Amino acid sequence: MSESIELAFLVRRLIDEDQAKSVMASIDGLLREQGLRDDVTMGWSILNDLGWMVGGESLHPFPVSRADVWCSAFEQTFQQCVSAVAPDADIRVKWGDPYEGW
């Protein structure tokens, strides 16, 4: 059974702009693999006390089959992609139900 979900993520404690750009490229590759690149917006900026960050969110709900399994696998792969280029990053992924909110 398919259900619609929403995605948001935040990657904090990045060292510099180059690392933020590398994280974005890694996430971009994952989103492309999953066919979600056009469904998610993301960007980077600097936070005064936490260094650089990358954040993003889905533009609209998207359908997935077996959301519990898919979300868990996606989140694990997301963590691996980010950790490969930013091992000390603080990574947060949040899922939402468009009918129940975050």
C-alpha atoms as a PDB file:
ATOM      1  CA  MET A   1       0.000   0.000   0.000  1.00  0.00           C
ATOM      2  CA  SER A   2       1.269   3.449  -0.899  1.00  0.00           C
ATOM      3  CA  GLU A   3       1.077   6.460   1.373  1.00  0.00           C
ATOM      4  CA  SER A   4       2.114  10.081   1.035  1.00  0.00           C
ATOM      5  CA  ILE A   5       4.888  11.452   3.233  1.00  0.00           C
ATOM      6  CA  GLU A   6       6.884  14.638   3.641  1.00  0.00           C
ATOM      7  CA  LEU A   7      10.611  14.940   4.299  1.00  0.00           C
ATOM      8  CA  ALA A   8      12.737  17.545   6.062  1.00  0.00           C
ATOM      9  CA  PHE A   9      16.406  17.384   6.984  1.00  0.00           C
ATOM     10  CA  LEU A  10      19.055  19.457   8.687  1.00  0.00           C
ATOM     11  CA  VAL A  11      22.804  18.821   8.700  1.00  0.00           C
ATOM     12  CA  ARG A  12      24.656  21.040  11.175  1.00  0.00           C
ATOM     13  CA  ARG A  13      28.189  21.491  12.496  1.00  0.00           C
ATOM     14  CA  LEU A  14      29.856  21.568   9.104  1.00  0.00           C
ATOM     15  CA  ILE A  15      33.396  22.934   9.038  1.00  0.00           C
ATOM     16  CA  ASP A  16      33.229  25.364   6.128  1.00  0.00           C
ATOM     17  CA  GLU A  17      31.518  26.288   2.882  1.00  0.00           C
ATOM     18  CA  ASP A  18      33.384  23.603   0.939  1.00  0.00           C
ATOM     19  CA  GLN A  19      32.149  20.891   3.280  1.00  0.00           C
ATOM     20  CA  ALA A  20      28.589  22.283   3.067  1.00  0.00           C
ATOM     21  CA  LYS A  21      28.795  22.126  -0.731  1.00  0.00           C
ATOM     22  CA  SER A  22      30.141  18.559  -0.566  1.00  0.00           C
ATOM     23  CA  VAL A  23      27.257  17.548   1.691  1.00  0.00           C
ATOM     24  CA  MET A  24      24.785  19.132  -0.704  1.00  0.00           C
ATOM     25  CA  ALA A  25      26.330  17.263  -3.643  1.00  0.00           C
ATOM     26  CA  SER A  26      26.136  13.978  -1.741  1.00  0.00           C
ATOM     27  CA  ILE A  27      22.487  14.542  -0.793  1.00  0.00           C
ATOM     28  CA  ASP A  28      21.713  15.649  -4.343  1.00  0.00           C
ATOM     29  CA  GLY A  29      23.083  12.351  -5.657  1.00  0.00           C
ATOM     30  CA  LEU A  30      20.946  10.365  -3.221  1.00  0.00           C
ATOM     31  CA  LEU A  31      17.820  12.338  -4.117  1.00  0.00           C
ATOM     32  CA  ARG A  32      18.489  11.752  -7.819  1.00  0.00           C
ATOM     33  CA  GLU A  33      18.928   8.006  -7.225  1.00  0.00           C
ATOM     34  CA  GLN A  34      15.595   7.927  -5.422  1.00  0.00           C
ATOM     35  CA  GLY A  35      13.830  10.004  -8.091  1.00  0.00           C
ATOM     36  CA  LEU A  36      13.147  12.799  -5.585  1.00  0.00           C
ATOM     37  CA  ARG A  37      15.463  15.582  -6.748  1.00  0.00           C
ATOM     38  CA  ASP A  38      12.651  17.643  -8.265  1.00  0.00           C
ATOM     39  CA  ASP A  39      10.528  17.106  -5.141  1.00  0.00           C
ATOM     40  CA  VAL A  40      12.993  18.463  -2.571  1.00  0.00           C
ATOM     41  CA  THR A  41      14.478  21.916  -2.132  1.00  0.00           C
ATOM     42  CA  MET A  42      17.693  22.486  -0.203  1.00  0.00           C
ATOM     43  CA  GLY A  43      20.275  25.120   0.580  1.00  0.00           C
ATOM     44  CA  TRP A  44      23.189  25.980   2.855  1.00  0.00           C
ATOM     45  CA  SER A  45      24.074  28.811   5.192  1.00  0.00           C
ATOM     46  CA  ILE A  46      26.205  29.638   8.203  1.00  0.00           C
ATOM     47  CA  LEU A  47      24.895  29.538  11.758  1.00  0.00           C
ATOM     48  CA  ASN A  48      26.873  31.767  14.110  1.00  0.00           C
ATOM     49  CA  ASP A  49      27.480  29.274  16.903  1.00  0.00           C
ATOM     50  CA  LEU A  50      27.023  25.986  15.035  1.00  0.00           C
ATOM     51  CA  GLY A  51      29.107  26.478  11.903  1.00  0.00           C
ATOM     52  CA  TRP A  52      27.762  25.785   8.452  1.00  0.00           C
ATOM     53  CA  MET A  53      24.540  23.898   7.784  1.00  0.00           C
ATOM     54  CA  VAL A  54      22.583  22.294   4.969  1.00  0.00           C
ATOM     55  CA  GLY A  55      18.818  22.005   5.174  1.00  0.00           C
ATOM     56  CA  GLY A  56      16.012  20.886   2.943  1.00  0.00           C
ATOM     57  CA  GLU A  57      12.412  19.818   2.715  1.00  0.00           C
ATOM     58  CA  SER A  58      10.009  18.266   0.289  1.00  0.00           C
ATOM     59  CA  LEU A  59       8.029  20.716  -1.807  1.00  0.00           C
ATOM     60  CA  HIS A  60       4.926  18.550  -1.537  1.00  0.00           C
ATOM     61  CA  PRO A  61       3.965  15.119  -0.209  1.00  0.00           C
ATOM     62  CA  PHE A  62       5.282  12.218  -2.275  1.00  0.00           C
ATOM     63  CA  PRO A  63       4.006   8.635  -2.410  1.00  0.00           C
ATOM     64  CA  VAL A  64       6.006   5.628  -1.227  1.00  0.00           C
ATOM     65  CA  SER A  65       5.120   2.002  -0.752  1.00  0.00           C
ATOM     66  CA  ARG A  66       5.699   0.518   2.704  1.00  0.00           C
ATOM     67  CA  ALA A  67       6.696   3.881   4.151  1.00  0.00           C
ATOM     68  CA  ASP A  68       8.011   2.426   7.406  1.00  0.00           C
ATOM     69  CA  VAL A  69      10.558   0.270   5.567  1.00  0.00           C
ATOM     70  CA  TRP A  70      11.359   2.834   2.868  1.00  0.00           C
ATOM     71  CA  CYS A  71      11.867   5.714   5.330  1.00  0.00           C
ATOM     72  CA  SER A  72      14.177   3.665   7.529  1.00  0.00           C
ATOM     73  CA  ALA A  73      16.305   2.576   4.555  1.00  0.00           C
ATOM     74  CA  PHE A  74      16.400   6.120   3.122  1.00  0.00           C
ATOM     75  CA  GLU A  75      17.416   7.596   6.463  1.00  0.00           C
ATOM     76  CA  GLN A  76      20.231   5.075   6.873  1.00  0.00           C
ATOM     77  CA  THR A  77      21.536   5.799   3.362  1.00  0.00           C
ATOM     78  CA  PHE A  78      21.187   9.549   3.992  1.00  0.00           C
ATOM     79  CA  GLN A  79      23.302   9.223   7.156  1.00  0.00           C
ATOM     80  CA  GLN A  80      25.961   7.254   5.243  1.00  0.00           C
ATOM     81  CA  CYS A  81      26.103   9.762   2.378  1.00  0.00           C
ATOM     82  CA  VAL A  82      26.530  12.725   4.701  1.00  0.00           C
ATOM     83  CA  SER A  83      28.953  10.981   7.075  1.00  0.00           C
ATOM     84  CA  ALA A  84      31.195  10.057   4.146  1.00  0.00           C
ATOM     85  CA  VAL A  85      31.968  13.750   3.533  1.00  0.00           C
ATOM     86  CA  ALA A  86      31.249  15.212   6.995  1.00  0.00           C
ATOM     87  CA  PRO A  87      31.922  12.608   9.698  1.00  0.00           C
ATOM     88  CA  ASP A  88      31.347  15.015  12.609  1.00  0.00           C
ATOM     89  CA  ALA A  89      28.088  16.491  11.311  1.00  0.00           C
ATOM     90  CA  ASP A  90      24.886  16.552  13.350  1.00  0.00           C
ATOM     91  CA  ILE A  91      22.316  14.920  11.041  1.00  0.00           C
ATOM     92  CA  ARG A  92      18.559  15.149  11.533  1.00  0.00           C
ATOM     93  CA  VAL A  93      15.879  13.699   9.288  1.00  0.00           C
ATOM     94  CA  LYS A  94      12.202  14.301   9.964  1.00  0.00           C
ATOM     95  CA  TRP A  95       9.188  12.653   8.352  1.00  0.00           C
ATOM     96  CA  GLY A  96       5.705  14.111   8.166  1.00  0.00           C
ATOM     97  CA  ASP A  97       2.264  12.910   7.312  1.00  0.00           C
ATOM     98  CA  PRO A  98       0.526  15.545   5.182  1.00  0.00           C
ATOM     99  CA  TYR A  99      -2.783  14.679   6.825  1.00  0.00           C
ATOM    100  CA  GLU A 100      -1.538  14.702  10.418  1.00  0.00           C
ATOM    101  CA  GLY A 101       1.286  17.272  10.274  1.00  0.00           C
ATOM    102  CA  TRP A 102       4.800  16.989  11.620  1.00  0.00           C
END
